[in-house]
Amino acid sequence: MNTASHTATDDILAARDGDIAALQRVLTSSRQNLRRYAEYHCVVNDAEDAVQECMMLVSRRIGDLRVAESFTSWMFRIVKRECNRLKRGMRLLTGDAITEDILPLGHFEPVELRHDVAAALESLPIHYREIILLRDLEGLTIQEIAQRLDLTPEATKSRLHRARVLAREYLES
């Protein structure tokens, strides 16, 4: 391929078809724009985490991309969804409303917080633990979770809500 005619779309198509070097070029060239977008949409300390999660998800799912031209908007949607997931996680842990300018809570030590969250998850019945992990750790959509667990989307939402309520109750006790 002539490098003069080589475009970003060519890299996206090659990455979609499994070319690892093309995927690295696409991710490298997208990183700065993703970071700026994440800084606008995330709580200040979550921007880099959102970008990293986005890049990992893109690496795993780029083969599912149907139209190369929608790649950029797809990545921005992933980053925004990840920012929202991180905000929801903070709300789940604290019970507080999340605003755009919220700063991380100073009274939780990271190790202590990890232990508390792990204990809360362990306290849940397996079907509740599984749905929280699929949604909040793996970032699956309600539809994807419903398919994986052989549930309706409505039942999936209900189970996820109940799991979060139970986890919140555990953390508040």
Protein backbone atom coordinates (compact mmCIF):
# COMPACT_ATOMS: atom_id res chain seq x y z
CA MET A 1 0.00 0.00 0.00
CA ASN A 2 1.30 3.44 -0.93
CA THR A 3 1.85 5.50 2.22
CA ALA A 4 0.67 8.68 0.48
CA SER A 5 -2.76 7.14 0.01
CA HIS A 6 -2.76 5.44 3.43
CA THR A 7 -5.49 6.94 5.63
CA ALA A 8 -6.82 6.58 9.14
CA THR A 9 -9.80 4.72 7.64
CA ASP A 10 -7.38 2.19 6.15
CA ASP A 11 -5.93 1.59 9.62
CA ILE A 12 -9.40 1.24 11.13
CA LEU A 13 -10.39 -1.31 8.47
CA ALA A 14 -7.12 -3.20 8.93
CA ALA A 15 -7.53 -3.17 12.72
CA ARG A 16 -11.08 -4.44 12.35
CA ASP A 17 -9.69 -7.30 10.26
CA GLY A 18 -7.19 -8.25 12.97
CA ASP A 19 -4.05 -6.24 12.10
CA ILE A 20 -2.43 -5.58 15.49
CA ALA A 21 -0.04 -2.91 14.20
CA ALA A 22 -2.96 -1.02 12.64
CA LEU A 23 -4.88 -1.28 15.92
CA GLN A 24 -1.91 0.19 17.79
CA ARG A 25 -1.69 3.08 15.30
CA VAL A 26 -5.43 3.76 15.62
CA LEU A 27 -5.35 3.73 19.42
CA THR A 28 -2.21 5.86 19.60
CA SER A 29 -3.60 8.47 17.22
CA SER A 30 -6.94 8.56 19.08
CA ARG A 31 -5.61 8.76 22.63
CA GLN A 32 -5.17 12.53 22.94
CA ASN A 33 -8.67 13.31 21.63
CA LEU A 34 -10.16 10.63 23.90
CA ARG A 35 -8.34 12.12 26.88
CA ARG A 36 -9.66 15.63 26.15
CA TYR A 37 -13.18 14.28 25.74
CA ALA A 38 -12.90 12.26 28.97
CA GLU A 39 -11.64 15.28 30.90
CA TYR A 40 -14.80 17.12 29.89
CA HIS A 41 -17.21 14.28 30.78
CA CYS A 42 -15.56 12.55 33.76
CA VAL A 43 -14.88 13.42 37.33
CA VAL A 44 -11.39 14.88 37.18
CA ASN A 45 -9.52 11.84 38.56
CA ASP A 46 -11.46 9.31 36.44
CA ALA A 47 -10.52 10.61 32.97
CA GLU A 48 -7.46 8.41 32.51
CA ASP A 49 -9.31 5.32 33.78
CA ALA A 50 -12.12 5.99 31.30
CA VAL A 51 -9.63 6.32 28.43
CA GLN A 52 -7.87 3.09 29.42
CA GLU A 53 -11.15 1.18 29.68
CA CYS A 54 -12.22 2.57 26.31
CA MET A 55 -9.00 1.49 24.65
CA MET A 56 -9.25 -2.00 26.10
CA LEU A 57 -12.87 -2.32 24.96
CA VAL A 58 -12.03 -1.02 21.49
CA SER A 59 -9.17 -3.53 21.28
CA ARG A 60 -11.55 -6.38 22.11
CA ARG A 61 -14.54 -5.21 20.08
CA ILE A 62 -13.14 -3.48 16.99
CA GLY A 63 -14.01 -6.56 14.94
CA ASP A 64 -17.69 -5.79 15.62
CA LEU A 65 -17.47 -2.31 14.08
CA ARG A 66 -19.63 -2.28 10.95
CA VAL A 67 -18.84 1.13 9.47
CA ALA A 68 -15.30 2.48 9.72
CA GLU A 69 -16.54 6.06 9.47
CA SER A 70 -18.42 5.67 12.76
CA PHE A 71 -15.23 4.66 14.63
CA THR A 72 -14.58 8.04 16.26
CA SER A 73 -18.13 8.56 17.47
CA TRP A 74 -18.15 4.94 18.70
CA MET A 75 -15.03 5.57 20.80
CA PHE A 76 -16.42 8.82 22.21
CA ARG A 77 -19.64 7.02 23.19
CA ILE A 78 -17.58 4.36 24.95
CA VAL A 79 -15.59 6.98 26.90
CA LYS A 80 -18.75 8.85 27.87
CA ARG A 81 -20.44 5.61 28.97
CA GLU A 82 -17.34 4.74 31.00
CA CYS A 83 -17.36 8.18 32.65
CA ASN A 84 -21.00 7.67 33.55
CA ARG A 85 -20.27 4.17 34.86
CA LEU A 86 -17.54 5.55 37.10
CA LYS A 87 -19.90 8.27 38.38
CA ARG A 88 -22.59 5.65 39.05
CA GLY A 89 -20.03 3.57 40.93
CA MET A 90 -19.21 6.51 43.16
CA ARG A 91 -22.93 7.15 43.73
CA LEU A 92 -23.45 3.46 44.55
CA LEU A 93 -20.69 3.58 47.14
CA THR A 94 -21.67 6.86 48.75
CA GLY A 95 -25.38 7.25 48.05
CA ASP A 96 -24.63 10.87 47.07
CA ALA A 97 -25.79 12.66 43.96
CA ILE A 98 -23.05 12.97 41.36
CA THR A 99 -22.32 16.35 39.84
CA GLU A 100 -19.79 17.26 37.17
CA ASP A 101 -17.47 18.96 39.65
CA ILE A 102 -17.45 16.33 42.41
CA LEU A 103 -14.06 15.44 43.75
CA PRO A 104 -13.14 12.02 45.10
CA LEU A 105 -14.03 11.51 48.74
CA GLY A 106 -11.07 11.95 51.05
CA HIS A 107 -12.31 9.77 53.90
CA PHE A 108 -11.95 6.46 52.04
CA GLU A 109 -8.56 4.89 51.79
CA PRO A 110 -8.23 3.07 48.44
CA VAL A 111 -7.30 -0.26 50.07
CA GLU A 112 -10.11 0.07 52.60
CA LEU A 113 -12.56 0.92 49.83
CA ARG A 114 -11.48 -2.10 47.75
CA HIS A 115 -11.95 -4.37 50.75
CA ASP A 116 -15.39 -2.92 51.47
CA VAL A 117 -16.53 -3.30 47.87
CA ALA A 118 -15.13 -6.84 47.67
CA ALA A 119 -16.93 -7.75 50.90
CA ALA A 120 -20.17 -6.21 49.61
CA LEU A 121 -19.91 -8.24 46.41
CA GLU A 122 -19.11 -11.41 48.32
CA SER A 123 -22.18 -10.89 50.49
CA LEU A 124 -24.47 -10.95 47.45
CA PRO A 125 -26.09 -14.10 46.10
CA ILE A 126 -24.23 -15.29 43.00
CA HIS A 127 -26.90 -14.13 40.52
CA TYR A 128 -26.72 -10.58 41.91
CA ARG A 129 -22.93 -10.57 42.09
CA GLU A 130 -22.71 -11.79 38.50
CA ILE A 131 -24.97 -9.08 37.11
CA ILE A 132 -23.07 -6.28 38.88
CA LEU A 133 -19.77 -7.59 37.58
CA LEU A 134 -21.09 -7.91 34.03
CA ARG A 135 -22.47 -4.37 34.04
CA ASP A 136 -20.05 -2.38 36.15
CA LEU A 137 -16.79 -4.25 35.67
CA GLU A 138 -17.08 -5.61 32.14
CA GLY A 139 -19.22 -2.70 30.92
CA LEU A 140 -21.76 -4.83 29.09
CA THR A 141 -25.02 -3.26 27.99
CA ILE A 142 -28.37 -4.36 29.40
CA GLN A 143 -29.08 -6.14 26.12
CA GLU A 144 -25.74 -7.99 26.21
CA ILE A 145 -26.29 -9.05 29.82
CA ALA A 146 -29.85 -10.17 29.04
CA GLN A 147 -28.57 -12.35 26.21
CA ARG A 148 -25.73 -13.80 28.27
CA LEU A 149 -28.00 -14.62 31.23
CA ASP A 150 -30.99 -15.63 29.10
CA LEU A 151 -33.22 -12.95 30.65
CA THR A 152 -35.49 -10.28 29.25
CA PRO A 153 -34.08 -6.74 29.32
CA GLU A 154 -36.72 -5.83 31.89
CA ALA A 155 -35.73 -8.72 34.18
CA THR A 156 -32.08 -7.76 33.71
CA LYS A 157 -32.74 -4.17 34.79
CA SER A 158 -34.75 -5.35 37.77
CA ARG A 159 -32.06 -7.79 38.90
CA LEU A 160 -29.33 -5.17 38.47
CA HIS A 161 -31.32 -2.64 40.48
CA ARG A 162 -31.92 -5.16 43.29
CA ALA A 163 -28.25 -6.16 43.31
CA ARG A 164 -27.16 -2.53 43.65
CA VAL A 165 -29.69 -1.92 46.44
CA LEU A 166 -28.34 -4.92 48.35
CA ALA A 167 -24.73 -3.85 47.82
CA ARG A 168 -25.56 -0.32 48.99
CA GLU A 169 -27.31 -1.66 52.08
CA TYR A 170 -24.27 -3.78 52.90
CA LEU A 171 -21.92 -0.80 52.49
CA GLU A 172 -24.12 1.41 54.66
CA SER A 173 -24.24 -1.09 57.53
